[in-house]
Every structure is written in C-alpha cells, then in structure tokens.
Amino acid sequence: MSALNGDKSRYHRERKQKIARRQRTRELLKRDAVEPRSANPSARAKSKPVSA
C-alpha cells in the first residue's frame, strides 16, 4: 500500500467483486423465478443401490 494512494486498489478490487456478486445473485434469482424447480426433491437426487 502506498502512502500516497492508500488502499485505492484494494478498495476498487473489492468494489468490483461486490458488484459482480450482486449481478450473479440477481441473475440466479431471476432464472429461478422463470424456471421453477421441481417440488419433488427425489426427482433431482436419486440414490444408487448399495450392495452389502
């Protein structure tokens, strides 16, 4: 960290990360609202038979 510029680069990097995280969250929520998932959880995760 330079004495002249302080934490500008770290602040800007974290700011960009926060903005990108919000955009990903919004897209995920929007996609989930458009394509609702199945209410039956067993349809998604099927267990394999285990031989003893």
N, C-alpha and C. Protein backbone atom coordinates (compact mmCIF):
# COMPACT_ATOMS: atom_id res chain seq x y z
N MET A 1 0.85 -1.17 0.00
CA MET A 1 0.00 0.00 0.00
C MET A 1 0.90 1.24 0.00
N SER A 2 0.66 2.13 -0.91
CA SER A 2 1.49 3.33 -0.98
C SER A 2 0.94 4.39 -0.02
N ALA A 3 1.82 5.24 0.45
CA ALA A 3 1.40 6.30 1.36
C ALA A 3 0.56 7.34 0.63
N LEU A 4 0.79 7.47 -0.66
CA LEU A 4 0.09 8.49 -1.43
C LEU A 4 -1.33 8.05 -1.81
N ASN A 5 -1.45 6.83 -2.29
CA ASN A 5 -2.73 6.36 -2.80
C ASN A 5 -3.55 5.56 -1.79
N GLY A 6 -2.94 5.14 -0.71
CA GLY A 6 -3.69 4.41 0.31
C GLY A 6 -4.17 3.07 -0.20
N ASP A 7 -5.41 2.73 0.13
CA ASP A 7 -5.97 1.42 -0.22
C ASP A 7 -6.83 1.49 -1.48
N LYS A 8 -6.53 2.38 -2.39
CA LYS A 8 -7.38 2.55 -3.58
C LYS A 8 -7.53 1.26 -4.37
N SER A 9 -6.42 0.57 -4.60
CA SER A 9 -6.50 -0.62 -5.45
C SER A 9 -7.30 -1.73 -4.77
N ARG A 10 -7.10 -1.92 -3.47
CA ARG A 10 -7.84 -2.95 -2.74
C ARG A 10 -9.32 -2.59 -2.70
N TYR A 11 -9.61 -1.32 -2.42
CA TYR A 11 -11.00 -0.87 -2.36
C TYR A 11 -11.68 -1.07 -3.71
N HIS A 12 -11.01 -0.70 -4.79
CA HIS A 12 -11.61 -0.82 -6.11
C HIS A 12 -11.83 -2.29 -6.49
N ARG A 13 -10.85 -3.15 -6.14
CA ARG A 13 -10.98 -4.58 -6.43
C ARG A 13 -12.16 -5.18 -5.65
N GLU A 14 -12.27 -4.85 -4.38
CA GLU A 14 -13.38 -5.37 -3.58
C GLU A 14 -14.71 -4.82 -4.06
N ARG A 15 -14.72 -3.56 -4.50
CA ARG A 15 -15.94 -2.95 -5.02
C ARG A 15 -16.43 -3.69 -6.27
N LYS A 16 -15.48 -3.98 -7.17
CA LYS A 16 -15.84 -4.72 -8.39
C LYS A 16 -16.33 -6.12 -8.06
N GLN A 17 -15.71 -6.76 -7.06
CA GLN A 17 -16.14 -8.10 -6.66
C GLN A 17 -17.56 -8.07 -6.12
N LYS A 18 -17.88 -7.05 -5.31
CA LYS A 18 -19.23 -6.94 -4.74
C LYS A 18 -20.27 -6.73 -5.84
N ILE A 19 -19.94 -5.87 -6.80
CA ILE A 19 -20.86 -5.60 -7.91
C ILE A 19 -21.10 -6.87 -8.71
N ALA A 20 -20.03 -7.61 -9.01
CA ALA A 20 -20.16 -8.86 -9.77
C ALA A 20 -20.97 -9.89 -8.99
N ARG A 21 -20.76 -9.96 -7.68
CA ARG A 21 -21.50 -10.91 -6.85
C ARG A 21 -23.00 -10.59 -6.85
N ARG A 22 -23.32 -9.29 -6.77
CA ARG A 22 -24.73 -8.89 -6.81
C ARG A 22 -25.36 -9.24 -8.15
N GLN A 23 -24.63 -9.01 -9.25
CA GLN A 23 -25.16 -9.34 -10.57
C GLN A 23 -25.41 -10.83 -10.70
N ARG A 24 -24.48 -11.67 -10.22
CA ARG A 24 -24.67 -13.12 -10.29
C ARG A 24 -25.87 -13.54 -9.47
N THR A 25 -26.04 -12.93 -8.29
CA THR A 25 -27.17 -13.28 -7.43
C THR A 25 -28.48 -12.90 -8.10
N ARG A 26 -28.53 -11.70 -8.68
CA ARG A 26 -29.76 -11.27 -9.37
C ARG A 26 -30.10 -12.19 -10.53
N GLU A 27 -29.09 -12.56 -11.33
CA GLU A 27 -29.34 -13.45 -12.46
C GLU A 27 -29.83 -14.81 -11.99
N LEU A 28 -29.24 -15.31 -10.92
CA LEU A 28 -29.64 -16.59 -10.37
C LEU A 28 -31.09 -16.54 -9.90
N LEU A 29 -31.45 -15.49 -9.17
CA LEU A 29 -32.82 -15.37 -8.67
C LEU A 29 -33.80 -15.18 -9.81
N LYS A 30 -33.40 -14.41 -10.83
CA LYS A 30 -34.28 -14.18 -11.98
C LYS A 30 -34.51 -15.49 -12.74
N ARG A 31 -33.43 -16.26 -12.93
CA ARG A 31 -33.52 -17.54 -13.63
C ARG A 31 -34.38 -18.52 -12.85
N ASP A 32 -34.25 -18.51 -11.53
CA ASP A 32 -35.02 -19.41 -10.69
C ASP A 32 -36.50 -19.04 -10.72
N ALA A 33 -36.82 -17.75 -10.83
CA ALA A 33 -38.21 -17.31 -10.88
C ALA A 33 -38.84 -17.70 -12.22
N VAL A 34 -38.05 -17.68 -13.29
CA VAL A 34 -38.57 -18.03 -14.61
C VAL A 34 -38.75 -19.54 -14.74
N GLU A 35 -37.78 -20.31 -14.26
CA GLU A 35 -37.83 -21.76 -14.36
C GLU A 35 -37.91 -22.37 -12.96
N PRO A 36 -39.13 -22.48 -12.41
CA PRO A 36 -39.23 -23.06 -11.06
C PRO A 36 -38.81 -24.51 -11.07
N ARG A 37 -38.12 -24.90 -10.01
CA ARG A 37 -37.64 -26.27 -9.91
C ARG A 37 -38.78 -27.20 -9.52
N SER A 38 -38.52 -28.48 -9.68
CA SER A 38 -39.49 -29.49 -9.30
C SER A 38 -39.68 -29.48 -7.80
N ALA A 39 -40.93 -29.66 -7.35
CA ALA A 39 -41.22 -29.69 -5.92
C ALA A 39 -40.78 -31.00 -5.30
N ASN A 40 -40.58 -32.02 -6.15
CA ASN A 40 -40.19 -33.33 -5.65
C ASN A 40 -38.67 -33.42 -5.58
N PRO A 41 -38.09 -33.43 -4.38
CA PRO A 41 -36.62 -33.46 -4.29
C PRO A 41 -36.02 -34.78 -4.73
N SER A 42 -36.79 -35.85 -4.71
CA SER A 42 -36.25 -37.15 -5.12
C SER A 42 -36.04 -37.21 -6.63
N ALA A 43 -36.69 -36.33 -7.37
CA ALA A 43 -36.50 -36.31 -8.82
C ALA A 43 -35.11 -35.80 -9.18
N ARG A 44 -34.55 -34.95 -8.32
CA ARG A 44 -33.23 -34.39 -8.58
C ARG A 44 -32.12 -35.33 -8.14
N ALA A 45 -32.19 -35.78 -6.91
CA ALA A 45 -31.12 -36.60 -6.34
C ALA A 45 -31.61 -38.02 -6.12
N LYS A 46 -31.21 -38.89 -7.01
CA LYS A 46 -31.59 -40.29 -6.87
C LYS A 46 -30.44 -41.04 -6.23
N SER A 47 -30.79 -41.88 -5.26
CA SER A 47 -29.74 -42.64 -4.59
C SER A 47 -29.47 -43.93 -5.35
N LYS A 48 -28.22 -44.33 -5.35
CA LYS A 48 -27.83 -45.56 -6.01
C LYS A 48 -27.98 -46.72 -5.04
N PRO A 49 -28.39 -47.87 -5.53
CA PRO A 49 -28.49 -49.03 -4.63
C PRO A 49 -27.09 -49.47 -4.18
N VAL A 50 -26.98 -49.81 -2.92
CA VAL A 50 -25.70 -50.20 -2.35
C VAL A 50 -25.74 -51.68 -2.02
N SER A 51 -24.78 -52.43 -2.54
CA SER A 51 -24.73 -53.86 -2.23
C SER A 51 -23.85 -54.06 -1.00
N ALA A 52 -24.34 -54.91 -0.09
CA ALA A 52 -23.61 -55.10 1.16
C ALA A 52 -22.65 -56.26 1.10
